[in-house]
Amino acid sequence: MDQQLEKISFIRFLYADAEGVRKIYDADWPDQFIAYFTGKEVTEIGGFFIMGTPLKVRSLEDAFKICRG
C-alpha cells in the first residue's frame, strides 16, 4: 500500500496584502518568514500557525517576535 504524507509547513500565515487580497504564505524556516515580510504591508491577519498550532498575533511584529524566539 502506497501512502503519501502531506507535509505540514513549519509556518503558515493567512493574511491580506496591501491591496486587500487574501493570501496564504508557507515557510519552512522562521528566517524565511521574517525576510519575506520585512518591509511589506499587511492589512489583515487571518491566522498564524507554527507546525499546525494556531498562535495569536495582531501584527507582523508579533509574528516576528515568535519567530525569533
N, C-alpha and C. Protein backbone atom coordinates (compact mmCIF):
# COMPACT_ATOMS: atom_id res chain seq x y z
N MET A 1 0.85 -1.18 0.00
CA MET A 1 0.00 0.00 0.00
C MET A 1 0.90 1.24 0.00
N ASP A 2 0.68 2.12 -0.96
CA ASP A 2 1.48 3.34 -1.09
C ASP A 2 0.75 4.49 -0.40
N GLN A 3 1.36 4.99 0.66
CA GLN A 3 0.77 6.11 1.38
C GLN A 3 1.68 7.32 1.26
N GLN A 4 1.10 8.45 1.01
CA GLN A 4 1.86 9.68 0.99
C GLN A 4 1.40 10.55 2.13
N LEU A 5 2.36 11.09 2.85
CA LEU A 5 2.04 12.01 3.93
C LEU A 5 2.16 13.43 3.42
N GLU A 6 1.15 14.21 3.67
CA GLU A 6 1.20 15.60 3.26
C GLU A 6 2.08 16.37 4.24
N LYS A 7 3.00 17.13 3.69
CA LYS A 7 3.92 17.89 4.52
C LYS A 7 3.19 19.08 5.15
N ILE A 8 3.37 19.25 6.45
CA ILE A 8 2.84 20.41 7.14
C ILE A 8 3.94 21.46 7.17
N SER A 9 3.64 22.64 6.69
CA SER A 9 4.62 23.72 6.70
C SER A 9 4.94 24.09 8.14
N PHE A 10 6.19 24.46 8.38
CA PHE A 10 6.58 24.89 9.72
C PHE A 10 5.79 26.15 10.09
N ILE A 11 5.68 27.09 9.14
CA ILE A 11 4.90 28.30 9.36
C ILE A 11 3.86 28.43 8.25
N ARG A 12 2.64 28.72 8.64
CA ARG A 12 1.58 29.07 7.68
C ARG A 12 0.97 30.38 8.17
N PHE A 13 0.87 31.34 7.25
CA PHE A 13 0.39 32.67 7.58
C PHE A 13 -0.73 33.04 6.61
N LEU A 14 -1.90 33.32 7.15
CA LEU A 14 -3.05 33.75 6.36
C LEU A 14 -3.17 35.26 6.54
N TYR A 15 -3.16 35.99 5.44
CA TYR A 15 -3.11 37.45 5.54
C TYR A 15 -3.72 38.11 4.31
N ALA A 16 -3.91 39.42 4.39
CA ALA A 16 -4.31 40.22 3.23
C ALA A 16 -3.17 41.20 2.95
N ASP A 17 -2.81 41.30 1.69
CA ASP A 17 -1.69 42.17 1.31
C ASP A 17 -2.12 43.65 1.27
N ALA A 18 -1.25 44.51 0.79
CA ALA A 18 -1.50 45.96 0.78
C ALA A 18 -2.75 46.33 -0.01
N GLU A 19 -3.10 45.53 -1.02
CA GLU A 19 -4.31 45.79 -1.82
C GLU A 19 -5.55 45.11 -1.25
N GLY A 20 -5.40 44.41 -0.14
CA GLY A 20 -6.53 43.72 0.47
C GLY A 20 -6.80 42.33 -0.07
N VAL A 21 -5.89 41.82 -0.91
CA VAL A 21 -6.04 40.48 -1.48
C VAL A 21 -5.61 39.45 -0.44
N ARG A 22 -6.49 38.51 -0.15
CA ARG A 22 -6.17 37.48 0.85
C ARG A 22 -5.23 36.44 0.25
N LYS A 23 -4.22 36.07 1.04
CA LYS A 23 -3.20 35.13 0.57
C LYS A 23 -2.79 34.18 1.69
N ILE A 24 -2.10 33.11 1.27
CA ILE A 24 -1.53 32.14 2.21
C ILE A 24 -0.04 32.08 1.93
N TYR A 25 0.76 32.18 2.98
CA TYR A 25 2.21 32.08 2.84
C TYR A 25 2.69 30.92 3.70
N ASP A 26 3.45 30.02 3.11
CA ASP A 26 4.05 28.89 3.82
C ASP A 26 5.55 29.04 3.83
N ALA A 27 6.18 28.73 4.96
CA ALA A 27 7.64 28.80 5.07
C ALA A 27 8.14 27.62 5.89
N ASP A 28 9.32 27.17 5.56
CA ASP A 28 9.94 26.08 6.31
C ASP A 28 10.79 26.57 7.47
N TRP A 29 11.18 27.83 7.45
CA TRP A 29 12.07 28.36 8.49
C TRP A 29 11.60 29.75 8.92
N PRO A 30 11.70 30.07 10.21
CA PRO A 30 11.34 31.40 10.69
C PRO A 30 12.11 32.52 9.98
N ASP A 31 13.38 32.30 9.66
CA ASP A 31 14.16 33.33 8.97
C ASP A 31 13.59 33.64 7.59
N GLN A 32 13.04 32.63 6.91
CA GLN A 32 12.40 32.85 5.60
C GLN A 32 11.18 33.76 5.76
N PHE A 33 10.40 33.50 6.78
CA PHE A 33 9.20 34.30 7.03
C PHE A 33 9.59 35.75 7.30
N ILE A 34 10.54 35.96 8.18
CA ILE A 34 10.97 37.31 8.53
C ILE A 34 11.51 38.04 7.30
N ALA A 35 12.35 37.38 6.53
CA ALA A 35 12.94 38.01 5.33
C ALA A 35 11.85 38.38 4.32
N TYR A 36 10.87 37.51 4.13
CA TYR A 36 9.82 37.77 3.13
C TYR A 36 8.95 38.95 3.53
N PHE A 37 8.59 39.05 4.81
CA PHE A 37 7.64 40.07 5.24
C PHE A 37 8.27 41.37 5.74
N THR A 38 9.55 41.41 5.89
CA THR A 38 10.19 42.66 6.31
C THR A 38 9.94 43.74 5.25
N GLY A 39 9.36 44.84 5.68
CA GLY A 39 9.08 45.95 4.77
C GLY A 39 7.79 45.83 3.99
N LYS A 40 7.05 44.72 4.16
CA LYS A 40 5.78 44.55 3.44
C LYS A 40 4.63 45.04 4.30
N GLU A 41 3.59 45.50 3.62
CA GLU A 41 2.38 45.94 4.32
C GLU A 41 1.36 44.81 4.32
N VAL A 42 0.82 44.53 5.49
CA VAL A 42 -0.23 43.53 5.65
C VAL A 42 -1.43 44.26 6.23
N THR A 43 -2.58 44.16 5.56
CA THR A 43 -3.76 44.89 6.01
C THR A 43 -4.67 44.07 6.93
N GLU A 44 -4.48 42.75 6.93
CA GLU A 44 -5.32 41.89 7.76
C GLU A 44 -4.57 40.60 8.05
N ILE A 45 -4.71 40.10 9.26
CA ILE A 45 -4.10 38.82 9.63
C ILE A 45 -5.23 37.84 9.93
N GLY A 46 -5.27 36.76 9.17
CA GLY A 46 -6.31 35.76 9.35
C GLY A 46 -5.88 34.62 10.24
N GLY A 47 -4.58 34.35 10.31
CA GLY A 47 -4.09 33.27 11.14
C GLY A 47 -2.59 33.11 11.01
N PHE A 48 -1.97 32.66 12.09
CA PHE A 48 -0.53 32.40 12.12
C PHE A 48 -0.35 31.06 12.82
N PHE A 49 0.25 30.11 12.12
CA PHE A 49 0.38 28.75 12.64
C PHE A 49 1.84 28.32 12.59
N ILE A 50 2.29 27.67 13.66
CA ILE A 50 3.60 27.04 13.66
C ILE A 50 3.36 25.56 13.91
N MET A 51 3.81 24.75 12.96
CA MET A 51 3.61 23.30 12.98
C MET A 51 2.14 22.94 13.21
N GLY A 52 1.25 23.68 12.56
CA GLY A 52 -0.17 23.42 12.63
C GLY A 52 -0.88 23.98 13.86
N THR A 53 -0.13 24.57 14.78
CA THR A 53 -0.71 25.12 16.00
C THR A 53 -1.01 26.60 15.82
N PRO A 54 -2.26 27.02 15.99
CA PRO A 54 -2.58 28.44 15.83
C PRO A 54 -2.01 29.26 16.98
N LEU A 55 -1.42 30.39 16.63
CA LEU A 55 -0.88 31.31 17.63
C LEU A 55 -1.52 32.67 17.43
N LYS A 56 -1.74 33.38 18.52
CA LYS A 56 -2.40 34.68 18.45
C LYS A 56 -1.38 35.76 18.11
N VAL A 57 -1.57 36.41 16.98
CA VAL A 57 -0.75 37.55 16.59
C VAL A 57 -1.66 38.66 16.10
N ARG A 58 -1.32 39.88 16.43
CA ARG A 58 -2.11 41.03 16.00
C ARG A 58 -1.37 41.88 14.97
N SER A 59 -0.09 41.61 14.82
CA SER A 59 0.73 42.39 13.88
C SER A 59 1.87 41.53 13.36
N LEU A 60 2.51 42.01 12.32
CA LEU A 60 3.70 41.31 11.82
C LEU A 60 4.78 41.28 12.88
N GLU A 61 4.90 42.35 13.65
CA GLU A 61 5.93 42.38 14.70
C GLU A 61 5.70 41.28 15.73
N ASP A 62 4.43 40.99 16.07
CA ASP A 62 4.13 39.87 16.97
C ASP A 62 4.63 38.56 16.37
N ALA A 63 4.38 38.37 15.08
CA ALA A 63 4.83 37.14 14.40
C ALA A 63 6.36 37.08 14.37
N PHE A 64 7.01 38.21 14.11
CA PHE A 64 8.48 38.24 14.10
C PHE A 64 9.04 37.86 15.47
N LYS A 65 8.42 38.35 16.53
CA LYS A 65 8.88 38.03 17.90
C LYS A 65 8.79 36.53 18.16
N ILE A 66 7.69 35.92 17.73
CA ILE A 66 7.53 34.47 17.90
C ILE A 66 8.61 33.74 17.12
N CYS A 67 8.86 34.18 15.88
CA CYS A 67 9.87 33.53 15.05
C CYS A 67 11.28 33.66 15.63
N ARG A 68 11.54 34.78 16.29
CA ARG A 68 12.87 34.99 16.87
C ARG A 68 13.03 34.25 18.19
N GLY A 69 11.94 33.76 18.74
CA GLY A 69 12.00 33.00 19.99
C GLY A 69 11.88 33.89 21.14
